[in-house]
């Protein structure tokens, strides 16, 4: 079973999970290839929800193509659930997210939800966060300042570049991303708080405060449901 099949399988499991929610509510939906599998699986049941809130322009486009109603987060008071993937997740449900560049909007939508349903394959489960480079979304003016502060954590800091050209990757918010490699994050909550206090940081891709409540994780044996 390849990774695409594992993603499709967990996307279908997430569909079944959210269909347990009372109908007529608004669902938060994340960004990335696993979230795309979830969107595709949920599309035939879109009328179960009165609308969706999306964490990226890319996700919004996919939802609209499937006929979902996409609402402005400012017009929504709260969400029963937010469904999204993770680049890494530890045994406590803390995550690194932002490999796709949508970390700030993902964190905003996650903060609106009663529960975070993380969906991923078992390759994303780690004993300690940090093997995947930690994304930090910044105001471009602050690149130098933030880089020097992040280096104090002991990692290697690099500016994320766009794939098509040797220019900075630009987020949906018009910001840049610094990736910090080589970390061993033993206290995700503390590091999240410390990095968010650096002037010029918009947000860090550590989801410790807004951690997963439910993990649906796929492997060759099927999908496991973990509660944190």
C-alpha atoms as a PDB file:
ATOM      1  CA  UNK A   1       0.000   0.000   0.000  1.00  0.00           C
ATOM      2  CA  UNK A   2       1.525   3.324  -1.077  1.00  0.00           C
ATOM      3  CA  UNK A   3       1.272   6.695   0.670  1.00  0.00           C
ATOM      4  CA  UNK A   4      -1.468   7.975  -1.633  1.00  0.00           C
ATOM      5  CA  UNK A   5      -3.611   4.977  -0.714  1.00  0.00           C
ATOM      6  CA  UNK A   6      -2.928   5.552   2.983  1.00  0.00           C
ATOM      7  CA  UNK A   7      -4.005   9.188   2.603  1.00  0.00           C
ATOM      8  CA  UNK A   8      -7.173   8.196   0.786  1.00  0.00           C
ATOM      9  CA  UNK A   9      -7.988   5.636   3.474  1.00  0.00           C
ATOM     10  CA  UNK A  10      -7.598   8.108   6.347  1.00  0.00           C
ATOM     11  CA  UNK A  11      -9.533  10.732   4.389  1.00  0.00           C
ATOM     12  CA  UNK A  12     -12.463   8.322   4.186  1.00  0.00           C
ATOM     13  CA  UNK A  13     -12.171   7.569   7.899  1.00  0.00           C
ATOM     14  CA  UNK A  14     -12.297  11.313   8.630  1.00  0.00           C
ATOM     15  CA  UNK A  15     -15.416  11.600   6.488  1.00  0.00           C
ATOM     16  CA  UNK A  16     -17.105   8.945   8.597  1.00  0.00           C
ATOM     17  CA  UNK A  17     -15.930  10.714  11.767  1.00  0.00           C
ATOM     18  CA  UNK A  18     -17.416  14.128  10.892  1.00  0.00           C
ATOM     19  CA  UNK A  19     -20.670  12.648   9.630  1.00  0.00           C
ATOM     20  CA  UNK A  20     -21.309  11.688  13.263  1.00  0.00           C
ATOM     21  CA  UNK A  21     -21.687  15.434  13.963  1.00  0.00           C
ATOM     22  CA  UNK A  22     -25.158  16.931  14.064  1.00  0.00           C
ATOM     23  CA  UNK A  23     -26.198  18.170  10.615  1.00  0.00           C
ATOM     24  CA  UNK A  24     -26.452  21.840   9.707  1.00  0.00           C
ATOM     25  CA  UNK A  25     -23.177  22.969  11.293  1.00  0.00           C
ATOM     26  CA  UNK A  26     -20.076  24.623   9.824  1.00  0.00           C
ATOM     27  CA  UNK A  27     -16.943  22.500   9.461  1.00  0.00           C
ATOM     28  CA  UNK A  28     -13.345  23.734   9.500  1.00  0.00           C
ATOM     29  CA  UNK A  29     -11.097  22.189   6.852  1.00  0.00           C
ATOM     30  CA  UNK A  30      -7.317  22.333   6.525  1.00  0.00           C
ATOM     31  CA  UNK A  31      -4.742  22.325   3.766  1.00  0.00           C
ATOM     32  CA  UNK A  32      -2.550  19.723   2.115  1.00  0.00           C
ATOM     33  CA  UNK A  33      -2.686  16.437   0.220  1.00  0.00           C
ATOM     34  CA  UNK A  34      -4.313  14.476   3.057  1.00  0.00           C
ATOM     35  CA  UNK A  35      -6.908  17.210   3.591  1.00  0.00           C
ATOM     36  CA  UNK A  36      -7.596  17.050  -0.153  1.00  0.00           C
ATOM     37  CA  UNK A  37      -8.390  13.334   0.160  1.00  0.00           C
ATOM     38  CA  UNK A  38     -10.793  14.178   2.989  1.00  0.00           C
ATOM     39  CA  UNK A  39     -12.499  16.888   0.915  1.00  0.00           C
ATOM     40  CA  UNK A  40     -12.928  14.507  -2.019  1.00  0.00           C
ATOM     41  CA  UNK A  41     -14.377  11.801   0.257  1.00  0.00           C
ATOM     42  CA  UNK A  42     -16.752  14.251   1.946  1.00  0.00           C
ATOM     43  CA  UNK A  43     -18.004  15.894  -1.260  1.00  0.00           C
ATOM     44  CA  UNK A  44     -21.000  13.558  -1.788  1.00  0.00           C
ATOM     45  CA  UNK A  45     -22.141  14.439   1.748  1.00  0.00           C
ATOM     46  CA  UNK A  46     -21.578  18.193   1.575  1.00  0.00           C
ATOM     47  CA  UNK A  47     -25.224  18.939   2.371  1.00  0.00           C
ATOM     48  CA  UNK A  48     -24.694  17.492   5.859  1.00  0.00           C
ATOM     49  CA  UNK A  49     -23.021  20.828   6.691  1.00  0.00           C
ATOM     50  CA  UNK A  50     -24.382  24.336   6.301  1.00  0.00           C
ATOM     51  CA  UNK A  51     -20.943  25.506   5.203  1.00  0.00           C
ATOM     52  CA  UNK A  52     -17.195  25.254   5.638  1.00  0.00           C
ATOM     53  CA  UNK A  53     -14.363  27.473   6.799  1.00  0.00           C
ATOM     54  CA  UNK A  54     -11.129  27.030   4.865  1.00  0.00           C
ATOM     55  CA  UNK A  55      -7.514  27.486   5.963  1.00  0.00           C
ATOM     56  CA  UNK A  56      -6.090  28.474   2.559  1.00  0.00           C
ATOM     57  CA  UNK A  57      -6.924  29.844  -0.860  1.00  0.00           C
ATOM     58  CA  UNK A  58      -6.016  26.470  -2.380  1.00  0.00           C
ATOM     59  CA  UNK A  59      -8.440  24.609  -0.116  1.00  0.00           C
ATOM     60  CA  UNK A  60     -11.153  27.171  -0.817  1.00  0.00           C
ATOM     61  CA  UNK A  61     -10.795  26.539  -4.555  1.00  0.00           C
ATOM     62  CA  UNK A  62     -11.098  22.786  -4.082  1.00  0.00           C
ATOM     63  CA  UNK A  63     -14.123  23.125  -1.817  1.00  0.00           C
ATOM     64  CA  UNK A  64     -15.892  25.433  -4.262  1.00  0.00           C
ATOM     65  CA  UNK A  65     -15.227  23.063  -7.159  1.00  0.00           C
ATOM     66  CA  UNK A  66     -16.983  20.336  -5.181  1.00  0.00           C
ATOM     67  CA  UNK A  67     -19.933  22.627  -4.466  1.00  0.00           C
ATOM     68  CA  UNK A  68     -19.263  23.319  -0.784  1.00  0.00           C
ATOM     69  CA  UNK A  69     -20.323  26.657   0.671  1.00  0.00           C
ATOM     70  CA  UNK A  70     -17.220  28.459   2.005  1.00  0.00           C
ATOM     71  CA  UNK A  71     -17.797  31.069   4.700  1.00  0.00           C
ATOM     72  CA  UNK A  72     -15.679  33.943   5.957  1.00  0.00           C
ATOM     73  CA  UNK A  73     -14.281  32.985   9.377  1.00  0.00           C
ATOM     74  CA  UNK A  74     -15.328  36.406  10.682  1.00  0.00           C
ATOM     75  CA  UNK A  75     -18.944  35.433  10.098  1.00  0.00           C
ATOM     76  CA  UNK A  76     -18.675  32.197  12.105  1.00  0.00           C
ATOM     77  CA  UNK A  77     -18.807  32.124  15.914  1.00  0.00           C
ATOM     78  CA  UNK A  78     -17.412  28.618  16.333  1.00  0.00           C
ATOM     79  CA  UNK A  79     -16.915  25.209  14.769  1.00  0.00           C
ATOM     80  CA  UNK A  80     -17.718  21.702  16.035  1.00  0.00           C
ATOM     81  CA  UNK A  81     -14.516  20.373  14.482  1.00  0.00           C
ATOM     82  CA  UNK A  82     -11.464  21.219  12.395  1.00  0.00           C
ATOM     83  CA  UNK A  83      -9.970  18.500  10.187  1.00  0.00           C
ATOM     84  CA  UNK A  84      -6.392  18.789   8.975  1.00  0.00           C
ATOM     85  CA  UNK A  85      -3.178  16.864   8.501  1.00  0.00           C
ATOM     86  CA  UNK A  86       0.191  17.248  10.192  1.00  0.00           C
ATOM     87  CA  UNK A  87       3.832  17.137   9.177  1.00  0.00           C
ATOM     88  CA  UNK A  88       4.673  15.536  12.526  1.00  0.00           C
ATOM     89  CA  UNK A  89       2.668  14.508  15.584  1.00  0.00           C
ATOM     90  CA  UNK A  90       4.008  13.331  18.944  1.00  0.00           C
ATOM     91  CA  UNK A  91       2.451  10.919  21.486  1.00  0.00           C
ATOM     92  CA  UNK A  92       0.696  13.818  23.280  1.00  0.00           C
ATOM     93  CA  UNK A  93      -0.999  15.176  20.134  1.00  0.00           C
ATOM     94  CA  UNK A  94       1.362  18.132  19.673  1.00  0.00           C
ATOM     95  CA  UNK A  95       2.075  18.803  16.009  1.00  0.00           C
ATOM     96  CA  UNK A  96       4.363  20.537  13.554  1.00  0.00           C
ATOM     97  CA  UNK A  97       2.358  22.010  10.691  1.00  0.00           C
ATOM     98  CA  UNK A  98       3.045  24.456   7.891  1.00  0.00           C
ATOM     99  CA  UNK A  99       4.861  22.416   5.287  1.00  0.00           C
ATOM    100  CA  UNK A 100       2.309  23.707   2.799  1.00  0.00           C
ATOM    101  CA  UNK A 101       2.650  27.287   4.039  1.00  0.00           C
ATOM    102  CA  UNK A 102      -0.831  27.713   5.561  1.00  0.00           C
ATOM    103  CA  UNK A 103       0.158  27.540   9.240  1.00  0.00           C
ATOM    104  CA  UNK A 104      -1.273  30.896  10.371  1.00  0.00           C
ATOM    105  CA  UNK A 105      -4.709  30.383   8.886  1.00  0.00           C
ATOM    106  CA  UNK A 106      -4.669  26.770  10.046  1.00  0.00           C
ATOM    107  CA  UNK A 107      -3.996  27.890  13.605  1.00  0.00           C
ATOM    108  CA  UNK A 108      -6.740  30.519  13.442  1.00  0.00           C
ATOM    109  CA  UNK A 109      -9.346  28.037  12.236  1.00  0.00           C
ATOM    110  CA  UNK A 110      -8.163  25.424  14.745  1.00  0.00           C
ATOM    111  CA  UNK A 111      -8.644  27.946  17.556  1.00  0.00           C
ATOM    112  CA  UNK A 112     -12.303  28.311  16.548  1.00  0.00           C
ATOM    113  CA  UNK A 113     -13.038  24.595  16.787  1.00  0.00           C
ATOM    114  CA  UNK A 114     -14.270  22.467  19.683  1.00  0.00           C
ATOM    115  CA  UNK A 115     -12.008  19.652  18.531  1.00  0.00           C
ATOM    116  CA  UNK A 116      -9.038  19.196  16.201  1.00  0.00           C
ATOM    117  CA  UNK A 117      -9.226  15.981  14.195  1.00  0.00           C
ATOM    118  CA  UNK A 118      -5.743  15.248  12.858  1.00  0.00           C
ATOM    119  CA  UNK A 119      -5.504  12.921   9.866  1.00  0.00           C
ATOM    120  CA  UNK A 120      -2.234  11.420   8.667  1.00  0.00           C
ATOM    121  CA  UNK A 121      -0.393   8.210   7.880  1.00  0.00           C
ATOM    122  CA  UNK A 122       1.847   6.530  10.428  1.00  0.00           C
ATOM    123  CA  UNK A 123       5.044   8.018   8.936  1.00  0.00           C
ATOM    124  CA  UNK A 124       4.080  11.336  10.588  1.00  0.00           C
ATOM    125  CA  UNK A 125       4.122   9.873  14.112  1.00  0.00           C
ATOM    126  CA  UNK A 126       7.345  10.697  15.978  1.00  0.00           C
ATOM    127  CA  UNK A 127       8.511  10.309  19.589  1.00  0.00           C
ATOM    128  CA  UNK A 128       9.878  13.896  19.657  1.00  0.00           C
ATOM    129  CA  UNK A 129       9.046  16.761  17.304  1.00  0.00           C
ATOM    130  CA  UNK A 130      11.767  18.385  15.223  1.00  0.00           C
ATOM    131  CA  UNK A 131      12.943  16.025  12.509  1.00  0.00           C
ATOM    132  CA  UNK A 132      10.656  17.947  10.139  1.00  0.00           C
ATOM    133  CA  UNK A 133      11.912  21.539   9.830  1.00  0.00           C
ATOM    134  CA  UNK A 134       9.786  23.898  11.937  1.00  0.00           C
ATOM    135  CA  UNK A 135       8.033  26.605   9.854  1.00  0.00           C
ATOM    136  CA  UNK A 136       7.805  30.154  11.202  1.00  0.00           C
ATOM    137  CA  UNK A 137       5.717  32.714   9.292  1.00  0.00           C
ATOM    138  CA  UNK A 138       7.228  36.197   9.489  1.00  0.00           C
ATOM    139  CA  UNK A 139       6.839  39.750   8.320  1.00  0.00           C
ATOM    140  CA  UNK A 140       9.477  40.106   5.540  1.00  0.00           C
ATOM    141  CA  UNK A 141      11.029  43.173   7.191  1.00  0.00           C
ATOM    142  CA  UNK A 142      11.911  41.031  10.204  1.00  0.00           C
ATOM    143  CA  UNK A 143      13.852  38.275   8.411  1.00  0.00           C
ATOM    144  CA  UNK A 144      17.232  39.221   9.911  1.00  0.00           C
ATOM    145  CA  UNK A 145      15.956  39.827  13.426  1.00  0.00           C
ATOM    146  CA  UNK A 146      13.896  36.662  13.582  1.00  0.00           C
ATOM    147  CA  UNK A 147      16.638  34.526  12.029  1.00  0.00           C
ATOM    148  CA  UNK A 148      19.112  35.561  14.721  1.00  0.00           C
ATOM    149  CA  UNK A 149      16.601  34.845  17.487  1.00  0.00           C
ATOM    150  CA  UNK A 150      15.654  31.453  16.057  1.00  0.00           C
ATOM    151  CA  UNK A 151      19.300  30.441  15.793  1.00  0.00           C
ATOM    152  CA  UNK A 152      19.470  30.678  19.586  1.00  0.00           C
ATOM    153  CA  UNK A 153      17.268  27.564  19.757  1.00  0.00           C
ATOM    154  CA  UNK A 154      20.079  25.605  18.131  1.00  0.00           C
ATOM    155  CA  UNK A 155      18.570  24.918  14.718  1.00  0.00           C
ATOM    156  CA  UNK A 156      19.607  25.834  11.180  1.00  0.00           C
ATOM    157  CA  UNK A 157      17.421  28.633   9.807  1.00  0.00           C
ATOM    158  CA  UNK A 158      16.686  29.072   6.108  1.00  0.00           C
ATOM    159  CA  UNK A 159      14.303  31.224   4.117  1.00  0.00           C
ATOM    160  CA  UNK A 160      11.747  29.121   2.236  1.00  0.00           C
ATOM    161  CA  UNK A 161      11.976  29.689  -1.496  1.00  0.00           C
ATOM    162  CA  UNK A 162       9.278  29.306  -4.121  1.00  0.00           C
ATOM    163  CA  UNK A 163       9.660  26.165  -6.205  1.00  0.00           C
ATOM    164  CA  UNK A 164       9.403  27.956  -9.528  1.00  0.00           C
ATOM    165  CA  UNK A 165      12.076  30.570  -8.875  1.00  0.00           C
ATOM    166  CA  UNK A 166      14.817  31.506  -6.439  1.00  0.00           C
ATOM    167  CA  UNK A 167      12.540  33.995  -4.739  1.00  0.00           C
ATOM    168  CA  UNK A 168      10.921  33.859  -1.301  1.00  0.00           C
ATOM    169  CA  UNK A 169       7.834  31.690  -0.949  1.00  0.00           C
ATOM    170  CA  UNK A 170       4.916  34.039  -0.222  1.00  0.00           C
ATOM    171  CA  UNK A 171       2.007  32.880   1.936  1.00  0.00           C
ATOM    172  CA  UNK A 172      -1.663  33.711   1.432  1.00  0.00           C
ATOM    173  CA  UNK A 173      -1.050  36.490   3.976  1.00  0.00           C
ATOM    174  CA  UNK A 174       1.737  38.083   1.903  1.00  0.00           C
ATOM    175  CA  UNK A 175       4.344  36.885   4.408  1.00  0.00           C
ATOM    176  CA  UNK A 176       7.540  34.803   4.273  1.00  0.00           C
ATOM    177  CA  UNK A 177       8.442  31.538   5.998  1.00  0.00           C
ATOM    178  CA  UNK A 178      11.635  30.623   7.813  1.00  0.00           C
ATOM    179  CA  UNK A 179      12.249  26.890   8.261  1.00  0.00           C
ATOM    180  CA  UNK A 180      14.243  25.766  11.302  1.00  0.00           C
ATOM    181  CA  UNK A 181      15.923  22.383  10.848  1.00  0.00           C
ATOM    182  CA  UNK A 182      17.745  20.224  13.357  1.00  0.00           C
ATOM    183  CA  UNK A 183      15.610  20.898  16.429  1.00  0.00           C
ATOM    184  CA  UNK A 184      14.666  18.438  19.144  1.00  0.00           C
ATOM    185  CA  UNK A 185      11.486  19.866  20.646  1.00  0.00           C
ATOM    186  CA  UNK A 186      11.035  18.306  24.072  1.00  0.00           C
ATOM    187  CA  UNK A 187       8.696  21.052  25.354  1.00  0.00           C
ATOM    188  CA  UNK A 188       6.457  22.130  22.442  1.00  0.00           C
ATOM    189  CA  UNK A 189       4.235  24.424  24.540  1.00  0.00           C
ATOM    190  CA  UNK A 190       7.168  26.420  25.866  1.00  0.00           C
ATOM    191  CA  UNK A 191       8.864  26.735  22.493  1.00  0.00           C
ATOM    192  CA  UNK A 192       5.616  27.766  20.817  1.00  0.00           C
ATOM    193  CA  UNK A 193       5.163  30.548  23.364  1.00  0.00           C
ATOM    194  CA  UNK A 194       8.772  31.721  23.127  1.00  0.00           C
ATOM    195  CA  UNK A 195       8.857  31.892  19.333  1.00  0.00           C
ATOM    196  CA  UNK A 196       5.503  33.645  19.133  1.00  0.00           C
ATOM    197  CA  UNK A 197       6.958  36.401  21.350  1.00  0.00           C
ATOM    198  CA  UNK A 198       9.710  37.280  18.859  1.00  0.00           C
ATOM    199  CA  UNK A 199       9.009  40.620  17.179  1.00  0.00           C
ATOM    200  CA  UNK A 200       8.152  40.066  13.527  1.00  0.00           C
ATOM    201  CA  UNK A 201       6.826  36.529  13.955  1.00  0.00           C
ATOM    202  CA  UNK A 202       3.245  36.064  12.771  1.00  0.00           C
ATOM    203  CA  UNK A 203       3.014  32.515  14.062  1.00  0.00           C
ATOM    204  CA  UNK A 204       5.059  29.356  14.471  1.00  0.00           C
ATOM    205  CA  UNK A 205       4.048  25.982  13.084  1.00  0.00           C
ATOM    206  CA  UNK A 206       4.012  24.360  16.506  1.00  0.00           C
ATOM    207  CA  UNK A 207       0.478  23.297  17.408  1.00  0.00           C
ATOM    208  CA  UNK A 208       0.834  22.605  21.128  1.00  0.00           C
ATOM    209  CA  UNK A 209      -1.865  24.917  22.464  1.00  0.00           C
ATOM    210  CA  UNK A 210      -4.164  23.985  19.577  1.00  0.00           C
ATOM    211  CA  UNK A 211      -3.108  20.332  19.644  1.00  0.00           C
ATOM    212  CA  UNK A 212      -4.996  17.365  18.233  1.00  0.00           C
ATOM    213  CA  UNK A 213      -7.932  15.987  20.211  1.00  0.00           C
ATOM    214  CA  UNK A 214      -8.473  13.022  17.900  1.00  0.00           C
ATOM    215  CA  UNK A 215      -5.895  11.358  15.662  1.00  0.00           C
ATOM    216  CA  UNK A 216      -6.934   9.196  12.750  1.00  0.00           C
ATOM    217  CA  UNK A 217      -3.766   7.495  11.530  1.00  0.00           C
ATOM    218  CA  UNK A 218      -3.515   5.043   8.652  1.00  0.00           C
ATOM    219  CA  UNK A 219      -1.112   2.161   8.180  1.00  0.00           C
ATOM    220  CA  UNK A 220      -1.115  -1.091   6.211  1.00  0.00           C
ATOM    221  CA  UNK A 221      -3.423  -2.657   8.805  1.00  0.00           C
ATOM    222  CA  UNK A 222      -6.093   0.055   8.542  1.00  0.00           C
ATOM    223  CA  UNK A 223      -6.953   3.275  10.404  1.00  0.00           C
ATOM    224  CA  UNK A 224      -6.403   3.689  14.127  1.00  0.00           C
ATOM    225  CA  UNK A 225      -8.399   6.216  16.174  1.00  0.00           C
ATOM    226  CA  UNK A 226      -6.457   7.809  19.046  1.00  0.00           C
ATOM    227  CA  UNK A 227      -7.934  10.163  21.647  1.00  0.00           C
ATOM    228  CA  UNK A 228      -5.702  12.699  23.427  1.00  0.00           C
END
